[in-house]
Protein backbone atom coordinates (compact mmCIF):
# COMPACT_ATOMS: atom_id res chain seq x y z
CA MET A 1 13.51 -8.76 39.15
CA ALA A 2 14.18 -5.67 37.04
CA LEU A 3 11.32 -3.23 36.53
CA ILE A 4 10.42 -2.86 32.88
CA LYS A 5 9.88 0.71 31.76
CA LYS A 6 6.44 1.66 30.51
CA GLN A 7 6.21 1.66 26.75
CA GLU A 8 6.03 5.03 25.05
CA VAL A 9 3.74 4.95 22.04
CA LYS A 10 3.69 7.88 19.68
CA GLU A 11 0.92 8.58 17.18
CA LEU A 12 1.74 10.51 14.02
CA VAL A 13 -0.50 11.77 11.24
CA LEU A 14 1.30 12.72 8.05
CA TRP A 15 0.82 12.95 4.30
CA ILE A 16 2.79 11.05 1.69
CA GLU A 17 2.75 12.43 -1.86
CA GLY A 18 3.41 10.51 -5.05
CA VAL A 19 6.43 11.38 -7.17
CA SER A 20 5.52 8.86 -9.89
CA GLY A 21 2.24 7.34 -11.05
CA MET A 22 0.81 4.52 -8.96
CA VAL A 23 -0.70 1.51 -10.78
CA GLN A 24 -3.15 -0.67 -8.88
CA HIS A 25 -4.22 -4.25 -9.53
CA LYS A 26 -6.81 -5.56 -7.11
CA TRP A 27 -7.94 -9.07 -7.99
CA SER A 28 -11.56 -9.10 -9.13
CA GLU A 29 -14.03 -11.63 -7.73
CA LYS A 30 -14.20 -13.23 -11.18
CA ALA A 31 -10.42 -13.69 -11.31
CA LYS A 32 -10.33 -15.12 -7.78
CA GLY A 33 -13.17 -17.49 -8.66
CA MET A 34 -11.27 -18.74 -11.69
CA MET A 35 -8.19 -19.38 -9.55
CA ARG A 36 -10.26 -21.29 -6.99
CA ASP A 37 -11.71 -23.45 -9.77
CA LYS A 38 -8.24 -24.09 -11.16
CA HIS A 39 -6.89 -25.20 -7.77
CA ALA A 40 -9.94 -27.42 -7.33
CA GLY A 41 -9.30 -29.08 -10.69
CA ILE A 42 -12.41 -27.60 -12.29
CA LYS A 43 -11.97 -26.84 -15.97
CA THR A 44 -12.93 -23.32 -16.87
CA LYS A 45 -13.21 -21.49 -20.13
CA ASN A 46 -11.85 -18.00 -20.49
CA ARG A 47 -13.45 -16.85 -23.71
CA ASP A 48 -15.69 -14.11 -22.37
CA LYS A 49 -15.63 -10.85 -24.26
CA ARG A 50 -13.17 -8.43 -22.66
CA ASP A 51 -14.45 -5.20 -21.11
CA PRO A 52 -11.31 -3.07 -20.59
CA GLU A 53 -13.06 -0.22 -18.78
CA ASN A 54 -14.73 -2.55 -16.29
CA GLU A 55 -11.52 -4.52 -15.76
CA CYS A 56 -9.72 -1.26 -15.02
CA LYS A 57 -12.40 -0.19 -12.53
CA GLN A 58 -12.34 -3.59 -10.83
CA ALA A 59 -8.56 -3.32 -10.38
CA ALA A 60 -8.82 -0.19 -8.22
CA TYR A 61 -9.19 -0.20 -4.44
CA ILE A 62 -12.39 1.69 -3.62
CA GLY A 63 -13.81 2.40 -0.16
CA LYS A 64 -17.13 0.72 0.54
CA GLU A 65 -18.51 3.66 2.53
CA SER A 66 -16.90 6.67 0.85
CA GLY A 67 -16.74 5.41 -2.73
CA LYS A 68 -13.27 6.99 -2.93
CA PHE A 69 -10.01 5.46 -4.15
CA GLY A 70 -7.60 4.23 -1.50
CA VAL A 71 -4.35 2.44 -0.73
CA PRO A 72 -4.41 -0.72 1.42
CA ALA A 73 -3.07 0.05 4.89
CA ASP A 74 -1.21 -3.26 5.00
CA ALA A 75 0.56 -2.39 1.74
CA ILE A 76 1.85 0.86 3.27
CA LYS A 77 3.15 -1.00 6.30
CA ALA A 78 4.80 -3.68 4.13
CA CYS A 79 6.46 -0.96 2.06
CA ILE A 80 7.96 0.67 5.17
CA ILE A 81 9.10 -2.71 6.54
CA ASN A 82 10.81 -3.60 3.26
CA ALA A 83 12.83 -0.37 3.35
CA ALA A 84 14.39 -1.40 6.66
CA HIS A 85 17.70 -3.27 6.75
CA LYS A 86 20.32 -3.95 9.38
CA ASP A 87 22.91 -2.24 7.16
CA ILE A 88 21.15 1.10 7.68
CA GLY A 89 20.74 0.52 11.39
CA ILE A 90 17.19 -0.78 11.68
CA GLU A 91 16.05 -4.36 11.10
CA LYS A 92 12.83 -5.46 9.44
CA THR A 93 11.75 -7.50 12.48
CA MET A 94 11.99 -4.40 14.68
CA VAL A 95 9.83 -2.33 12.32
CA ARG A 96 7.29 -5.12 11.87
CA LYS A 97 6.47 -5.27 15.59
CA SER A 98 6.94 -1.58 16.40
CA LEU A 99 4.77 0.15 13.80
CA PHE A 100 1.10 -0.01 12.84
CA ILE A 101 -1.03 1.92 10.36
CA VAL A 102 -4.06 3.23 12.25
CA GLY A 103 -7.39 4.79 11.37
CA GLU A 104 -6.95 8.18 9.75
CA ASP A 105 -9.56 8.63 7.03
CA PHE A 106 -9.88 4.82 6.97
CA ASP A 107 -12.40 2.94 4.85
CA VAL A 108 -12.67 -0.69 3.79
CA THR A 109 -13.12 -2.55 0.52
CA GLU A 110 -16.08 -4.83 -0.13
CA GLU A 111 -13.87 -7.66 1.15
CA GLY A 112 -13.10 -5.79 4.38
CA ARG A 113 -9.51 -4.77 3.59
CA GLU A 114 -8.62 -1.50 5.33
CA LEU A 115 -7.81 1.46 3.10
CA CYS A 116 -6.16 4.82 3.57
CA ILE A 117 -8.23 7.10 1.34
CA MET A 118 -6.36 8.99 -1.39
CA ASP A 119 -6.54 12.62 -2.40
CA THR A 120 -6.19 12.13 -6.14
CA ASP A 121 -7.33 12.93 -9.65
CA ASP A 122 -9.32 10.28 -11.50
CA PRO A 123 -7.00 7.56 -12.82
CA ILE A 124 -6.16 6.89 -16.43
CA MET A 125 -6.56 3.39 -17.91
CA ARG A 126 -3.36 1.55 -18.75
CA GLU A 127 -3.04 -1.32 -21.20
CA ASP A 128 0.00 -3.46 -20.37
CA THR A 129 1.32 -6.69 -21.82
CA VAL A 130 2.11 -9.22 -19.10
CA ARG A 131 3.59 -12.70 -19.04
CA VAL A 132 1.31 -15.54 -17.94
CA GLY A 133 1.86 -19.26 -17.56
CA GLN A 134 4.71 -20.90 -19.48
CA GLY A 135 5.82 -18.16 -21.85
CA GLY A 136 2.33 -16.87 -22.62
CA THR A 137 1.28 -13.23 -22.74
CA ASP A 138 -1.92 -11.35 -22.04
CA LEU A 139 -3.22 -7.81 -21.73
CA ARG A 140 -4.05 -6.19 -18.41
CA TYR A 141 -6.17 -3.08 -17.97
CA ARG A 142 -5.34 -1.21 -14.77
CA PRO A 143 -5.79 2.26 -13.27
CA GLU A 144 -2.83 4.61 -12.96
CA PHE A 145 -3.04 7.54 -10.56
CA ARG A 146 -0.82 10.36 -11.83
CA ASN A 147 -1.39 12.91 -9.05
CA TRP A 148 -1.95 11.34 -5.67
CA ARG A 149 -1.32 11.71 -1.98
CA VAL A 150 -2.46 9.84 1.11
CA LYS A 151 -3.00 10.84 4.73
CA VAL A 152 -1.47 8.15 6.94
CA GLY A 153 -1.92 7.59 10.66
CA ILE A 154 0.96 5.71 12.28
CA GLU A 155 1.22 4.23 15.77
CA VAL A 156 4.86 3.60 16.63
CA ASP A 157 6.89 2.39 19.59
CA GLY A 158 8.87 5.56 20.31
CA ASP A 159 11.50 3.66 22.30
CA SER A 160 12.32 1.43 19.30
CA ILE A 161 11.87 3.89 16.43
CA PRO A 162 12.47 7.61 17.10
CA GLU A 163 10.36 10.02 15.04
CA GLU A 164 13.24 11.24 12.87
CA THR A 165 14.25 7.65 12.11
CA LEU A 166 10.67 6.79 11.17
CA LEU A 167 10.33 9.75 8.78
CA ASN A 168 13.66 8.93 7.14
CA LEU A 169 12.58 5.30 6.77
CA ILE A 170 9.30 6.34 5.13
CA ASP A 171 11.22 8.48 2.64
CA ARG A 172 13.52 5.53 1.90
CA ALA A 173 10.45 3.32 1.41
CA GLY A 174 9.01 5.78 -1.08
CA PHE A 175 12.29 6.09 -2.94
CA GLY A 176 13.29 2.45 -3.29
CA CYS A 177 10.22 0.26 -2.57
CA GLY A 178 7.06 2.09 -3.64
CA LEU A 179 3.40 1.09 -3.79
CA GLY A 180 1.33 -0.78 -6.35
CA GLU A 181 2.35 -2.55 -9.55
CA MET A 182 5.69 -2.06 -11.33
CA ARG A 183 7.16 -0.38 -8.28
CA PRO A 184 10.94 -0.01 -7.66
CA GLU A 185 10.96 -3.04 -5.38
CA LYS A 186 9.82 -5.12 -8.37
CA GLY A 187 12.17 -3.51 -10.89
CA GLY A 188 9.90 -0.67 -12.03
CA GLY A 189 9.60 3.03 -11.31
CA ASN A 190 5.93 3.45 -10.42
CA GLY A 191 4.40 4.17 -7.04
CA ARG A 192 7.27 6.21 -5.63
CA PHE A 193 6.48 8.75 -2.91
CA ARG A 194 7.90 11.01 -0.19
CA VAL A 195 6.76 12.59 3.04
CA ASP A 196 4.97 15.86 2.34
CA TYR A 197 6.69 18.18 4.81
CA SER A 198 4.65 21.16 3.59
CA VAL A 199 1.80 19.81 5.75
CA PRO A 200 2.49 19.89 9.52
CA ILE A 201 3.01 16.44 10.99
CA LYS A 202 0.70 15.88 13.97
CA THR A 203 2.13 13.96 16.89
CA ARG A 204 0.78 12.77 20.20
CA LYS A 205 2.38 10.70 22.93
CA ARG A 206 0.62 8.33 25.26
CA LYS A 207 1.79 5.92 27.90
CA VAL A 208 0.90 2.24 27.65
CA ALA A 209 0.80 0.13 30.80
């Protein structure tokens, strides 16, 4: 039986910086409750007076402990995975099982979703017209972060994804996929980012049995 080589895991800590505004839209507890009622066949009325400022605040991801704005760690991973493609030499399935976002300035939302905390100015409130249901329209009030960056800790299988490949993939993710609402992946231009090479990238290797 062939001896399998020990896995080499590399840990990187880097910053990504926004090159376009990021718009967030976290579902509020009220909105999720209305959806649950709808799926359960419970008739609901939606005639409450709108509070744009509160709706905007509720749409942001905020750390439970720090009270700071953040980006969901799973959204960052999904963004990197979606940038991968066999035509550029790395498949999505390989990235999915070889890369994890790990605790580096982590916090969690009230619901327990892990966040990478942002270094950002306060957001502005956007008012956007969106399509709902069968041809209907509605207004959405969401936060847009104009100047933002995020420190990201990444644990990666160094045998599967070399460091240079990973950094290039992250830049591709920021260019063509993006984070948040109306991002390039969904036909928009928001939420684009790049690796901030002005900040030294920290790396550490460790052997895994």
